[in-house]
N, C-alpha and C. Protein backbone atom coordinates (compact mmCIF):
# COMPACT_ATOMS: atom_id res chain seq x y z
N MET A 1 0.84 -1.20 0.00
CA MET A 1 0.00 0.00 0.00
C MET A 1 0.88 1.25 0.00
N LYS A 2 0.56 2.22 -0.88
CA LYS A 2 1.36 3.43 -1.01
C LYS A 2 1.10 4.39 0.15
N ILE A 3 2.07 5.30 0.36
CA ILE A 3 2.01 6.21 1.49
C ILE A 3 0.76 7.09 1.43
N GLU A 4 0.39 7.54 0.23
CA GLU A 4 -0.80 8.40 0.10
C GLU A 4 -2.06 7.66 0.52
N GLN A 5 -2.17 6.39 0.12
CA GLN A 5 -3.35 5.61 0.48
C GLN A 5 -3.39 5.31 1.97
N ILE A 6 -2.23 5.00 2.55
CA ILE A 6 -2.19 4.73 3.99
C ILE A 6 -2.61 5.97 4.78
N LYS A 7 -2.10 7.14 4.38
CA LYS A 7 -2.47 8.37 5.07
C LYS A 7 -3.97 8.60 5.00
N LYS A 8 -4.55 8.39 3.81
CA LYS A 8 -5.98 8.59 3.63
C LYS A 8 -6.80 7.62 4.47
N GLU A 9 -6.39 6.34 4.47
CA GLU A 9 -7.12 5.32 5.24
C GLU A 9 -7.01 5.60 6.74
N LEU A 10 -5.83 5.98 7.21
CA LEU A 10 -5.64 6.24 8.63
C LEU A 10 -6.39 7.50 9.08
N THR A 11 -6.40 8.52 8.22
CA THR A 11 -7.15 9.74 8.56
C THR A 11 -8.62 9.44 8.75
N GLY A 12 -9.20 8.66 7.80
CA GLY A 12 -10.60 8.28 7.92
C GLY A 12 -10.87 7.41 9.13
N LEU A 13 -9.92 6.53 9.43
CA LEU A 13 -10.08 5.63 10.58
C LEU A 13 -10.06 6.41 11.89
N PHE A 14 -9.11 7.34 12.02
CA PHE A 14 -9.03 8.14 13.24
C PHE A 14 -10.28 8.99 13.44
N ARG A 15 -10.82 9.52 12.36
CA ARG A 15 -12.06 10.30 12.45
C ARG A 15 -13.22 9.43 12.93
N SER A 16 -13.28 8.19 12.43
CA SER A 16 -14.33 7.27 12.86
C SER A 16 -14.19 6.92 14.33
N MET A 17 -12.96 6.71 14.78
CA MET A 17 -12.72 6.39 16.19
C MET A 17 -13.10 7.57 17.09
N ASP A 18 -12.73 8.77 16.66
CA ASP A 18 -13.08 9.96 17.43
C ASP A 18 -14.59 10.17 17.47
N PHE A 19 -15.26 9.90 16.35
CA PHE A 19 -16.71 10.08 16.29
C PHE A 19 -17.41 9.14 17.27
N VAL A 20 -17.01 7.87 17.26
CA VAL A 20 -17.62 6.89 18.18
C VAL A 20 -17.32 7.26 19.62
N SER A 21 -16.08 7.66 19.90
CA SER A 21 -15.69 8.00 21.26
C SER A 21 -16.42 9.23 21.78
N ASN A 22 -16.47 10.30 20.98
CA ASN A 22 -17.06 11.57 21.42
C ASN A 22 -18.58 11.54 21.49
N ASN A 23 -19.21 10.81 20.59
CA ASN A 23 -20.67 10.84 20.50
C ASN A 23 -21.38 9.71 21.23
N PHE A 24 -20.67 8.66 21.56
CA PHE A 24 -21.36 7.53 22.19
C PHE A 24 -20.70 7.05 23.48
N LEU A 25 -19.39 6.92 23.50
CA LEU A 25 -18.73 6.38 24.68
C LEU A 25 -18.63 7.38 25.82
N ASN A 26 -18.84 8.67 25.55
CA ASN A 26 -18.76 9.70 26.59
C ASN A 26 -20.13 10.13 27.13
N LYS A 27 -21.17 9.48 26.67
CA LYS A 27 -22.52 9.83 27.12
C LYS A 27 -22.85 9.10 28.42
N GLU A 28 -23.09 9.85 29.46
CA GLU A 28 -23.38 9.23 30.75
C GLU A 28 -24.76 8.60 30.79
N GLU A 29 -25.71 9.12 30.00
CA GLU A 29 -27.07 8.60 30.04
C GLU A 29 -27.26 7.33 29.23
N MET A 30 -26.25 6.89 28.51
CA MET A 30 -26.38 5.70 27.66
C MET A 30 -26.46 4.45 28.53
N ASN A 31 -27.39 3.55 28.18
CA ASN A 31 -27.52 2.31 28.96
C ASN A 31 -26.38 1.34 28.62
N LYS A 32 -26.23 0.33 29.45
CA LYS A 32 -25.09 -0.59 29.32
C LYS A 32 -25.10 -1.36 28.01
N LYS A 33 -26.27 -1.72 27.53
CA LYS A 33 -26.37 -2.49 26.30
C LYS A 33 -25.85 -1.68 25.10
N GLU A 34 -26.31 -0.43 25.00
CA GLU A 34 -25.86 0.45 23.91
C GLU A 34 -24.37 0.74 24.05
N PHE A 35 -23.92 0.98 25.27
CA PHE A 35 -22.52 1.26 25.51
C PHE A 35 -21.64 0.10 25.03
N ARG A 36 -22.07 -1.13 25.32
CA ARG A 36 -21.31 -2.30 24.92
C ARG A 36 -21.24 -2.42 23.40
N ILE A 37 -22.32 -2.08 22.71
CA ILE A 37 -22.33 -2.14 21.24
C ILE A 37 -21.29 -1.19 20.65
N PHE A 38 -21.31 0.06 21.11
CA PHE A 38 -20.38 1.04 20.57
C PHE A 38 -18.94 0.80 21.04
N LEU A 39 -18.80 0.20 22.21
CA LEU A 39 -17.45 -0.17 22.67
C LEU A 39 -16.86 -1.24 21.76
N ASN A 40 -17.68 -2.21 21.36
CA ASN A 40 -17.22 -3.25 20.44
C ASN A 40 -16.84 -2.65 19.08
N ILE A 41 -17.62 -1.69 18.63
CA ILE A 41 -17.30 -1.02 17.37
C ILE A 41 -15.95 -0.31 17.48
N TYR A 42 -15.74 0.36 18.62
CA TYR A 42 -14.47 1.07 18.83
C TYR A 42 -13.29 0.09 18.85
N GLN A 43 -13.49 -1.08 19.47
CA GLN A 43 -12.44 -2.09 19.53
C GLN A 43 -12.12 -2.63 18.14
N GLN A 44 -13.15 -2.80 17.33
CA GLN A 44 -12.95 -3.29 15.96
C GLN A 44 -12.18 -2.26 15.12
N LEU A 45 -12.50 -0.98 15.34
CA LEU A 45 -11.75 0.08 14.65
C LEU A 45 -10.29 0.08 15.11
N GLY A 46 -10.07 -0.20 16.39
CA GLY A 46 -8.71 -0.28 16.92
C GLY A 46 -7.93 -1.42 16.28
N LEU A 47 -8.61 -2.53 16.02
CA LEU A 47 -7.96 -3.66 15.36
C LEU A 47 -7.57 -3.28 13.92
N ALA A 48 -8.46 -2.54 13.25
CA ALA A 48 -8.14 -2.06 11.90
C ALA A 48 -6.93 -1.14 11.93
N TRP A 49 -6.81 -0.35 12.98
CA TRP A 49 -5.66 0.55 13.16
C TRP A 49 -4.36 -0.26 13.23
N GLU A 50 -4.41 -1.37 13.99
CA GLU A 50 -3.22 -2.22 14.11
C GLU A 50 -2.81 -2.77 12.76
N PHE A 51 -3.78 -3.24 11.98
CA PHE A 51 -3.47 -3.81 10.67
C PHE A 51 -2.91 -2.77 9.72
N LEU A 52 -3.49 -1.58 9.70
CA LEU A 52 -2.99 -0.52 8.84
C LEU A 52 -1.58 -0.09 9.26
N GLY A 53 -1.35 -0.07 10.57
CA GLY A 53 -0.04 0.31 11.08
C GLY A 53 1.06 -0.63 10.64
N LEU A 54 0.71 -1.89 10.38
CA LEU A 54 1.71 -2.86 9.93
C LEU A 54 2.23 -2.53 8.53
N GLN A 55 1.44 -1.83 7.75
CA GLN A 55 1.84 -1.49 6.39
C GLN A 55 2.55 -0.14 6.32
N CYS A 56 2.56 0.59 7.41
CA CYS A 56 3.22 1.90 7.43
C CYS A 56 4.71 1.71 7.67
N LYS A 57 5.53 2.33 6.85
CA LYS A 57 6.98 2.24 6.99
C LYS A 57 7.56 3.42 7.77
N HIS A 58 6.67 4.21 8.39
CA HIS A 58 7.09 5.35 9.21
C HIS A 58 7.98 6.30 8.43
N TRP A 59 7.52 6.64 7.23
CA TRP A 59 8.31 7.44 6.29
C TRP A 59 8.65 8.83 6.84
N GLU A 60 7.78 9.40 7.65
CA GLU A 60 7.98 10.78 8.10
C GLU A 60 8.58 10.88 9.49
N GLY A 61 9.05 9.75 10.01
CA GLY A 61 9.72 9.77 11.31
C GLY A 61 8.75 9.74 12.49
N TYR A 62 9.28 10.08 13.67
CA TYR A 62 8.53 9.99 14.92
C TYR A 62 8.45 11.34 15.62
N LYS A 63 7.47 11.46 16.49
CA LYS A 63 7.35 12.64 17.34
C LYS A 63 7.28 12.19 18.79
N ARG A 64 7.79 13.00 19.69
CA ARG A 64 7.84 12.64 21.11
C ARG A 64 6.57 13.10 21.80
N THR A 65 6.01 12.20 22.61
CA THR A 65 4.78 12.51 23.34
C THR A 65 5.12 13.06 24.71
N THR A 66 4.10 13.47 25.45
CA THR A 66 4.32 14.05 26.77
C THR A 66 4.88 13.04 27.77
N ASP A 67 4.62 11.74 27.54
CA ASP A 67 5.16 10.72 28.44
C ASP A 67 6.48 10.14 27.91
N LYS A 68 7.16 10.93 27.02
CA LYS A 68 8.50 10.63 26.54
C LYS A 68 8.57 9.39 25.65
N LYS A 69 7.46 9.04 25.01
CA LYS A 69 7.46 7.96 24.03
C LYS A 69 7.49 8.57 22.64
N GLU A 70 7.98 7.78 21.67
CA GLU A 70 8.05 8.25 20.30
C GLU A 70 7.00 7.52 19.46
N THR A 71 6.15 8.29 18.78
CA THR A 71 5.10 7.70 17.96
C THR A 71 5.25 8.15 16.51
N CYS A 72 4.86 7.28 15.59
CA CYS A 72 4.95 7.58 14.17
C CYS A 72 4.03 8.76 13.83
N LYS A 73 4.53 9.68 13.01
CA LYS A 73 3.74 10.85 12.62
C LYS A 73 2.58 10.47 11.70
N ILE A 74 2.64 9.30 11.10
CA ILE A 74 1.59 8.88 10.17
C ILE A 74 0.57 7.97 10.84
N CYS A 75 1.05 6.86 11.40
CA CYS A 75 0.11 5.85 11.92
C CYS A 75 -0.06 5.92 13.43
N GLY A 76 0.82 6.64 14.14
CA GLY A 76 0.68 6.76 15.58
C GLY A 76 1.19 5.58 16.37
N LYS A 77 1.82 4.61 15.71
CA LYS A 77 2.36 3.45 16.42
C LYS A 77 3.56 3.88 17.26
N VAL A 78 3.70 3.26 18.43
CA VAL A 78 4.81 3.59 19.34
C VAL A 78 6.08 2.90 18.88
N LYS A 79 7.17 3.65 18.81
CA LYS A 79 8.45 3.12 18.36
C LYS A 79 8.97 2.05 19.33
N GLY A 80 9.45 0.94 18.76
CA GLY A 80 10.03 -0.11 19.58
C GLY A 80 9.05 -1.15 20.05
N VAL A 81 7.76 -0.95 19.82
CA VAL A 81 6.75 -1.93 20.23
C VAL A 81 6.59 -2.94 19.12
N LYS A 82 6.74 -4.21 19.41
CA LYS A 82 6.70 -5.26 18.41
C LYS A 82 5.27 -5.50 17.94
N ASP A 83 5.09 -5.55 16.61
CA ASP A 83 3.78 -5.87 16.04
C ASP A 83 3.52 -7.36 16.15
N VAL A 84 2.28 -7.72 16.40
CA VAL A 84 1.94 -9.13 16.59
C VAL A 84 0.99 -9.65 15.53
N TYR A 85 0.58 -8.83 14.57
CA TYR A 85 -0.31 -9.27 13.51
C TYR A 85 0.38 -9.08 12.17
N TYR A 86 -0.04 -9.87 11.19
CA TYR A 86 0.47 -9.73 9.83
C TYR A 86 -0.71 -9.56 8.89
N LEU A 87 -0.58 -8.63 7.96
CA LEU A 87 -1.64 -8.37 7.00
C LEU A 87 -1.08 -8.56 5.61
N PHE A 88 -1.71 -9.45 4.83
CA PHE A 88 -1.28 -9.71 3.47
C PHE A 88 -2.32 -9.21 2.48
N PRO A 89 -1.88 -8.64 1.36
CA PRO A 89 -2.85 -8.25 0.33
C PRO A 89 -3.46 -9.50 -0.30
N GLU A 90 -4.72 -9.40 -0.71
CA GLU A 90 -5.40 -10.56 -1.30
C GLU A 90 -4.77 -10.94 -2.63
N LYS A 91 -4.35 -9.94 -3.41
CA LYS A 91 -3.73 -10.20 -4.71
C LYS A 91 -2.33 -9.59 -4.73
N GLY A 92 -1.48 -10.14 -5.59
CA GLY A 92 -0.12 -9.63 -5.69
C GLY A 92 0.83 -10.30 -4.72
N PRO A 93 2.10 -9.91 -4.73
CA PRO A 93 3.10 -10.52 -3.85
C PRO A 93 2.80 -10.29 -2.38
N LYS A 94 3.05 -11.30 -1.55
CA LYS A 94 2.91 -11.19 -0.10
C LYS A 94 4.30 -11.09 0.50
N LYS A 95 4.57 -10.04 1.24
CA LYS A 95 5.89 -9.84 1.83
C LYS A 95 5.80 -10.01 3.34
N LEU A 96 6.64 -10.88 3.87
CA LEU A 96 6.66 -11.14 5.30
C LEU A 96 8.11 -11.13 5.78
N GLY A 97 8.44 -10.20 6.67
CA GLY A 97 9.79 -10.13 7.21
C GLY A 97 10.79 -9.59 6.21
N MET A 98 12.06 -9.74 6.53
CA MET A 98 13.14 -9.25 5.68
C MET A 98 14.23 -10.32 5.59
N LYS A 99 15.06 -10.24 4.54
CA LYS A 99 16.10 -11.24 4.34
C LYS A 99 17.20 -11.07 5.39
N LEU A 100 17.47 -12.14 6.13
CA LEU A 100 18.48 -12.12 7.19
C LEU A 100 19.61 -13.07 6.85
N LYS A 101 20.82 -12.74 7.30
CA LYS A 101 21.99 -13.57 7.12
C LYS A 101 22.74 -13.67 8.44
N PRO A 102 23.64 -14.65 8.58
CA PRO A 102 24.47 -14.71 9.80
C PRO A 102 25.16 -13.38 10.04
N ASN A 103 25.20 -12.93 11.29
CA ASN A 103 25.68 -11.58 11.58
C ASN A 103 26.74 -11.52 12.68
N SER A 104 27.34 -12.67 13.01
CA SER A 104 28.35 -12.66 14.07
C SER A 104 29.42 -13.71 13.78
N GLU A 105 30.64 -13.42 14.17
CA GLU A 105 31.74 -14.38 14.01
C GLU A 105 31.96 -15.18 15.30
N LYS A 106 31.14 -14.91 16.29
CA LYS A 106 31.24 -15.63 17.56
C LYS A 106 30.72 -17.05 17.41
N ILE A 107 31.33 -17.99 18.12
CA ILE A 107 30.83 -19.37 18.16
C ILE A 107 29.99 -19.53 19.42
N PHE A 108 28.70 -19.72 19.27
CA PHE A 108 27.79 -19.79 20.40
C PHE A 108 27.79 -21.19 21.01
N GLU A 109 27.30 -21.28 22.23
CA GLU A 109 27.32 -22.54 22.97
C GLU A 109 26.34 -23.57 22.40
N ASN A 110 25.25 -23.11 21.80
CA ASN A 110 24.26 -24.03 21.24
C ASN A 110 23.49 -23.32 20.13
N LYS A 111 22.67 -24.08 19.41
CA LYS A 111 21.95 -23.50 18.28
C LYS A 111 20.89 -22.50 18.73
N ARG A 112 20.30 -22.74 19.89
CA ARG A 112 19.27 -21.82 20.38
C ARG A 112 19.82 -20.41 20.52
N GLU A 113 21.03 -20.30 21.08
CA GLU A 113 21.65 -18.98 21.24
C GLU A 113 22.13 -18.41 19.90
N ALA A 114 22.48 -19.31 18.96
CA ALA A 114 23.01 -18.87 17.67
C ALA A 114 21.92 -18.52 16.67
N THR A 115 20.68 -18.95 16.95
CA THR A 115 19.61 -18.76 15.98
C THR A 115 19.21 -17.30 15.84
N ILE A 116 19.17 -16.83 14.61
CA ILE A 116 18.68 -15.49 14.29
C ILE A 116 17.20 -15.57 13.96
N ILE A 117 16.83 -16.55 13.15
CA ILE A 117 15.42 -16.81 12.87
C ILE A 117 15.27 -18.26 12.42
N ASP A 118 14.20 -18.90 12.86
CA ASP A 118 13.84 -20.24 12.40
C ASP A 118 12.32 -20.24 12.30
N ASP A 119 11.82 -19.90 11.13
CA ASP A 119 10.40 -19.64 10.97
C ASP A 119 9.83 -20.45 9.82
N THR A 120 8.59 -20.85 9.95
CA THR A 120 7.94 -21.70 8.96
C THR A 120 6.57 -21.14 8.62
N ILE A 121 6.21 -21.21 7.33
CA ILE A 121 4.88 -20.82 6.89
C ILE A 121 4.37 -21.87 5.91
N ILE A 122 3.11 -22.25 6.03
CA ILE A 122 2.47 -23.15 5.07
C ILE A 122 1.58 -22.28 4.20
N PHE A 123 1.97 -22.13 2.94
CA PHE A 123 1.31 -21.20 2.04
C PHE A 123 0.62 -21.97 0.93
N HIS A 124 -0.72 -22.02 0.97
CA HIS A 124 -1.50 -22.75 -0.02
C HIS A 124 -1.00 -24.19 -0.18
N GLY A 125 -0.65 -24.83 0.92
CA GLY A 125 -0.24 -26.23 0.90
C GLY A 125 1.25 -26.48 0.78
N ALA A 126 2.03 -25.45 0.42
CA ALA A 126 3.49 -25.61 0.32
C ALA A 126 4.13 -25.11 1.61
N LEU A 127 5.05 -25.91 2.15
CA LEU A 127 5.72 -25.55 3.41
C LEU A 127 7.05 -24.87 3.12
N LEU A 128 7.25 -23.72 3.70
CA LEU A 128 8.50 -22.96 3.53
C LEU A 128 9.09 -22.67 4.90
N ASN A 129 10.36 -23.04 5.06
CA ASN A 129 11.07 -22.80 6.32
C ASN A 129 12.36 -22.03 6.05
N VAL A 130 12.62 -21.02 6.86
CA VAL A 130 13.86 -20.25 6.76
C VAL A 130 14.59 -20.37 8.10
N ASP A 131 15.81 -20.89 8.04
CA ASP A 131 16.62 -21.11 9.24
C ASP A 131 17.93 -20.35 9.06
N VAL A 132 18.12 -19.30 9.85
CA VAL A 132 19.34 -18.50 9.79
C VAL A 132 19.99 -18.53 11.16
N HIS A 133 21.25 -18.93 11.22
CA HIS A 133 21.93 -19.00 12.52
C HIS A 133 23.42 -18.73 12.36
N ASN A 134 24.02 -18.30 13.45
CA ASN A 134 25.46 -18.12 13.51
C ASN A 134 26.12 -19.44 13.88
N SER A 135 27.44 -19.47 13.91
CA SER A 135 28.16 -20.69 14.24
C SER A 135 27.91 -21.08 15.70
N TYR A 136 27.84 -22.40 15.95
CA TYR A 136 27.59 -22.87 17.31
C TYR A 136 28.24 -24.23 17.53
N LYS A 137 28.41 -24.60 18.80
CA LYS A 137 29.01 -25.87 19.17
C LYS A 137 27.93 -26.95 19.20
N SER A 138 28.29 -28.16 18.73
CA SER A 138 27.30 -29.23 18.67
C SER A 138 27.95 -30.60 18.83
N ARG A 139 27.17 -31.54 19.35
CA ARG A 139 27.57 -32.95 19.41
C ARG A 139 26.60 -33.78 18.58
N LEU A 140 26.10 -33.17 17.51
CA LEU A 140 25.02 -33.75 16.73
C LEU A 140 25.39 -35.05 16.04
N LEU A 141 26.64 -35.19 15.57
CA LEU A 141 27.00 -36.33 14.73
C LEU A 141 27.09 -37.64 15.50
N ASP A 142 27.89 -37.68 16.56
CA ASP A 142 28.04 -38.93 17.30
C ASP A 142 27.67 -38.79 18.78
N GLY A 143 27.35 -37.59 19.19
CA GLY A 143 26.96 -37.38 20.58
C GLY A 143 28.12 -37.30 21.55
N LYS A 144 29.33 -37.52 21.07
CA LYS A 144 30.50 -37.55 21.95
C LYS A 144 31.46 -36.39 21.67
N HIS A 145 31.82 -36.25 20.40
CA HIS A 145 32.83 -35.25 20.04
C HIS A 145 32.16 -33.93 19.65
N GLN A 146 32.64 -32.87 20.24
CA GLN A 146 32.06 -31.55 19.97
C GLN A 146 32.69 -30.94 18.73
N ILE A 147 31.84 -30.43 17.85
CA ILE A 147 32.32 -29.77 16.64
C ILE A 147 31.65 -28.41 16.53
N ASN A 148 32.22 -27.56 15.68
CA ASN A 148 31.63 -26.25 15.43
C ASN A 148 30.80 -26.29 14.15
N MET A 149 29.52 -26.02 14.27
CA MET A 149 28.64 -25.96 13.11
C MET A 149 28.78 -24.59 12.47
N ALA A 150 28.85 -24.56 11.14
CA ALA A 150 29.07 -23.30 10.42
C ALA A 150 27.83 -22.41 10.47
N ALA A 151 28.07 -21.11 10.40
CA ALA A 151 26.97 -20.15 10.27
C ALA A 151 26.33 -20.34 8.91
N GLU A 152 25.00 -20.35 8.87
CA GLU A 152 24.31 -20.65 7.61
C GLU A 152 22.97 -19.93 7.51
N ARG A 153 22.55 -19.80 6.28
CA ARG A 153 21.17 -19.41 5.96
C ARG A 153 20.62 -20.52 5.09
N ILE A 154 19.62 -21.24 5.61
CA ILE A 154 19.06 -22.40 4.91
C ILE A 154 17.57 -22.15 4.64
N VAL A 155 17.19 -22.32 3.39
CA VAL A 155 15.78 -22.19 2.99
C VAL A 155 15.31 -23.55 2.53
N LYS A 156 14.21 -24.03 3.11
CA LYS A 156 13.70 -25.36 2.78
C LYS A 156 12.26 -25.24 2.28
N LEU A 157 11.99 -25.87 1.15
CA LEU A 157 10.64 -25.88 0.57
C LEU A 157 10.18 -27.33 0.42
N LYS A 158 8.96 -27.61 0.91
CA LYS A 158 8.37 -28.94 0.77
C LYS A 158 7.07 -28.84 -0.01
N GLU A 159 6.95 -29.66 -1.03
CA GLU A 159 5.73 -29.66 -1.85
C GLU A 159 5.53 -31.06 -2.41
N SER A 160 4.36 -31.66 -2.13
CA SER A 160 4.00 -32.98 -2.67
C SER A 160 5.07 -34.03 -2.38
N GLY A 161 5.65 -34.00 -1.20
CA GLY A 161 6.64 -34.99 -0.81
C GLY A 161 8.04 -34.71 -1.32
N ILE A 162 8.23 -33.64 -2.09
CA ILE A 162 9.54 -33.27 -2.62
C ILE A 162 10.12 -32.14 -1.76
N GLU A 163 11.40 -32.26 -1.42
CA GLU A 163 12.05 -31.25 -0.60
C GLU A 163 13.19 -30.59 -1.37
N CYS A 164 13.28 -29.29 -1.23
CA CYS A 164 14.36 -28.52 -1.84
C CYS A 164 15.05 -27.72 -0.74
N HIS A 165 16.36 -27.93 -0.57
CA HIS A 165 17.13 -27.23 0.43
C HIS A 165 18.13 -26.30 -0.28
N ILE A 166 18.14 -25.05 0.12
CA ILE A 166 19.07 -24.08 -0.47
C ILE A 166 19.85 -23.42 0.66
N ASP A 167 21.18 -23.54 0.60
CA ASP A 167 22.00 -22.81 1.57
C ASP A 167 23.01 -21.96 0.82
N GLN A 168 24.02 -21.49 1.50
CA GLN A 168 24.97 -20.56 0.89
C GLN A 168 25.95 -21.25 -0.05
N HIS A 169 25.97 -22.59 -0.04
CA HIS A 169 26.94 -23.32 -0.85
C HIS A 169 26.31 -24.40 -1.72
N LEU A 170 25.14 -24.92 -1.35
CA LEU A 170 24.55 -26.05 -2.05
C LEU A 170 23.07 -25.85 -2.32
N ILE A 171 22.60 -26.54 -3.34
CA ILE A 171 21.16 -26.69 -3.61
C ILE A 171 20.89 -28.19 -3.67
N TYR A 172 20.05 -28.67 -2.79
CA TYR A 172 19.79 -30.11 -2.70
C TYR A 172 18.30 -30.38 -2.89
N ILE A 173 17.98 -31.33 -3.77
CA ILE A 173 16.59 -31.71 -4.02
C ILE A 173 16.41 -33.17 -3.67
N LYS A 174 15.42 -33.45 -2.85
CA LYS A 174 15.11 -34.82 -2.45
C LYS A 174 13.75 -35.20 -3.03
N MET A 175 13.73 -36.26 -3.83
CA MET A 175 12.49 -36.69 -4.48
C MET A 175 11.62 -37.46 -3.50
N ASN A 176 10.37 -37.58 -3.83
CA ASN A 176 9.41 -38.32 -3.00
C ASN A 176 9.63 -39.81 -3.21
N ASP A 177 10.05 -40.50 -2.15
CA ASP A 177 10.30 -41.93 -2.26
C ASP A 177 9.19 -42.78 -1.65
N THR A 178 8.05 -42.17 -1.36
CA THR A 178 6.93 -42.91 -0.78
C THR A 178 6.44 -43.97 -1.75
N GLY A 179 6.36 -45.22 -1.29
CA GLY A 179 5.86 -46.31 -2.13
C GLY A 179 6.88 -46.87 -3.09
N LYS A 180 8.11 -46.35 -3.07
CA LYS A 180 9.15 -46.84 -3.96
C LYS A 180 10.05 -47.84 -3.23
N LYS A 181 10.46 -48.89 -3.96
CA LYS A 181 11.35 -49.88 -3.38
C LYS A 181 12.78 -49.44 -3.62
N LEU A 182 13.45 -49.01 -2.58
CA LEU A 182 14.80 -48.48 -2.70
C LEU A 182 15.83 -49.51 -2.28
N GLY A 183 17.05 -49.33 -2.77
CA GLY A 183 18.14 -50.22 -2.39
C GLY A 183 18.63 -49.95 -0.98
N LYS A 184 19.55 -50.78 -0.51
CA LYS A 184 20.04 -50.65 0.85
C LYS A 184 21.06 -49.53 0.99
N MET A 185 21.78 -49.22 -0.10
CA MET A 185 22.84 -48.23 -0.05
C MET A 185 22.44 -46.97 -0.80
N LYS A 186 23.04 -45.85 -0.40
CA LYS A 186 22.80 -44.57 -1.06
C LYS A 186 24.14 -44.05 -1.60
N TYR A 187 24.14 -43.68 -2.89
CA TYR A 187 25.36 -43.23 -3.53
C TYR A 187 25.19 -41.81 -4.05
N GLY A 188 26.30 -41.20 -4.43
CA GLY A 188 26.28 -39.88 -5.05
C GLY A 188 27.44 -39.75 -6.01
N GLY A 189 27.23 -39.00 -7.09
CA GLY A 189 28.31 -38.86 -8.05
C GLY A 189 27.98 -37.84 -9.12
N PHE A 190 29.00 -37.35 -9.80
CA PHE A 190 28.80 -36.43 -10.91
C PHE A 190 28.32 -37.22 -12.13
N PRO A 191 27.66 -36.55 -13.08
CA PRO A 191 27.14 -37.26 -14.26
C PRO A 191 28.20 -38.07 -15.00
N TRP A 192 29.43 -37.52 -15.13
CA TRP A 192 30.46 -38.22 -15.88
C TRP A 192 31.01 -39.45 -15.16
N GLU A 193 30.63 -39.60 -13.88
CA GLU A 193 31.08 -40.76 -13.11
C GLU A 193 30.11 -41.93 -13.22
N ILE A 194 28.94 -41.67 -13.82
CA ILE A 194 27.92 -42.71 -13.95
C ILE A 194 28.04 -43.38 -15.32
N LYS A 195 27.96 -44.68 -15.35
CA LYS A 195 28.06 -45.41 -16.61
C LYS A 195 26.93 -45.00 -17.55
N ARG A 196 27.27 -44.92 -18.83
CA ARG A 196 26.30 -44.43 -19.81
C ARG A 196 25.02 -45.26 -19.83
N LYS A 197 25.14 -46.55 -19.65
CA LYS A 197 23.96 -47.42 -19.69
C LYS A 197 23.01 -47.17 -18.52
N ASN A 198 23.55 -46.55 -17.44
CA ASN A 198 22.72 -46.27 -16.27
C ASN A 198 22.12 -44.87 -16.28
N LEU A 199 22.60 -44.02 -17.19
CA LEU A 199 22.10 -42.65 -17.24
C LEU A 199 20.63 -42.58 -17.60
N LYS A 200 20.12 -43.60 -18.30
CA LYS A 200 18.71 -43.60 -18.68
C LYS A 200 17.78 -43.68 -17.47
N ASN A 201 18.33 -44.04 -16.31
CA ASN A 201 17.54 -44.12 -15.08
C ASN A 201 17.39 -42.77 -14.39
N PHE A 202 18.07 -41.73 -14.96
CA PHE A 202 18.05 -40.40 -14.34
C PHE A 202 17.32 -39.42 -15.28
N PRO A 203 16.05 -39.12 -15.00
CA PRO A 203 15.26 -38.24 -15.89
C PRO A 203 15.59 -36.76 -15.66
N VAL A 204 16.83 -36.39 -15.95
CA VAL A 204 17.30 -35.02 -15.70
C VAL A 204 17.72 -34.38 -17.03
N ILE A 205 17.23 -33.16 -17.25
CA ILE A 205 17.61 -32.40 -18.43
C ILE A 205 18.44 -31.21 -17.98
N PHE A 206 19.66 -31.08 -18.53
CA PHE A 206 20.55 -29.98 -18.15
C PHE A 206 20.39 -28.82 -19.13
N ASP A 207 20.32 -27.62 -18.58
CA ASP A 207 20.29 -26.41 -19.41
C ASP A 207 21.69 -25.82 -19.46
N PHE A 208 22.16 -25.45 -20.67
CA PHE A 208 23.49 -24.89 -20.81
C PHE A 208 23.54 -23.99 -22.04
N ASP A 209 24.59 -23.17 -22.14
CA ASP A 209 24.74 -22.27 -23.28
C ASP A 209 25.72 -22.85 -24.29
N GLU A 210 26.06 -22.05 -25.31
CA GLU A 210 26.94 -22.55 -26.37
C GLU A 210 28.34 -22.86 -25.88
N ASN A 211 28.70 -22.32 -24.71
CA ASN A 211 30.01 -22.60 -24.12
C ASN A 211 29.94 -23.70 -23.07
N HIS A 212 28.81 -24.39 -23.04
CA HIS A 212 28.59 -25.49 -22.11
C HIS A 212 28.71 -25.06 -20.65
N ARG A 213 28.25 -23.84 -20.37
CA ARG A 213 28.16 -23.38 -18.98
C ARG A 213 26.80 -23.74 -18.43
N PHE A 214 26.79 -24.29 -17.24
CA PHE A 214 25.55 -24.80 -16.62
C PHE A 214 24.60 -23.65 -16.30
N LEU A 215 23.33 -23.78 -16.71
CA LEU A 215 22.33 -22.73 -16.47
C LEU A 215 21.20 -23.19 -15.54
N GLY A 216 20.95 -24.49 -15.50
CA GLY A 216 19.88 -25.00 -14.67
C GLY A 216 19.56 -26.43 -15.05
N LEU A 217 18.53 -26.98 -14.42
CA LEU A 217 18.16 -28.36 -14.76
C LEU A 217 16.66 -28.55 -14.55
N THR A 218 16.15 -29.56 -15.24
CA THR A 218 14.75 -29.95 -15.12
C THR A 218 14.70 -31.43 -14.76
N ILE A 219 13.89 -31.75 -13.76
CA ILE A 219 13.73 -33.14 -13.34
C ILE A 219 12.31 -33.58 -13.71
N LEU A 220 12.20 -34.64 -14.51
CA LEU A 220 10.89 -35.16 -14.89
C LEU A 220 10.35 -36.05 -13.78
N ARG A 221 9.09 -35.88 -13.46
CA ARG A 221 8.48 -36.66 -12.38
C ARG A 221 7.75 -37.88 -12.93
């Protein structure tokens, strides 16, 4: 939402809140039933204020209040107070959070202390997880010897039993093996290391340019 639209929506919202407050909530002769109705309306308007405030980027800065707090000049949100709601547009791109990367060279005692963000969203059936952490000590491999786990940003996508892992050095795709009879051993190798007669078992199409530089790949399901 653009700044002009946010200003217009917030101005109208504040006027509505003031109207309900001044004309109904301040009337001493109003009975409890009517008071409760207009109080609920005021609360609903307050919820709309919270949602609109999430889209405000505080473009015009903050002003200091009499109780020494700083509030946005546009939406009135208090600086430093964490928002607890998320509002997505019905159409177009949905933006949630910001891109984070490892930000410390310190080796932390455990992953909990090293974690910057580990968040998951299920969007229209597809699971997306973003795990960003600094380096930390771990006994994950054998439970005995302590090693230092590298700082990483890992993005994981799951869809229809297929997993795609993307980190700072690798892209790994795991196919859905549900219902498939697999061998006892798991191997890995470059295409040129696989015998030509066995390549027909790998439904992979490589994209490349005239200089045979790798551009991407397609996996047939």
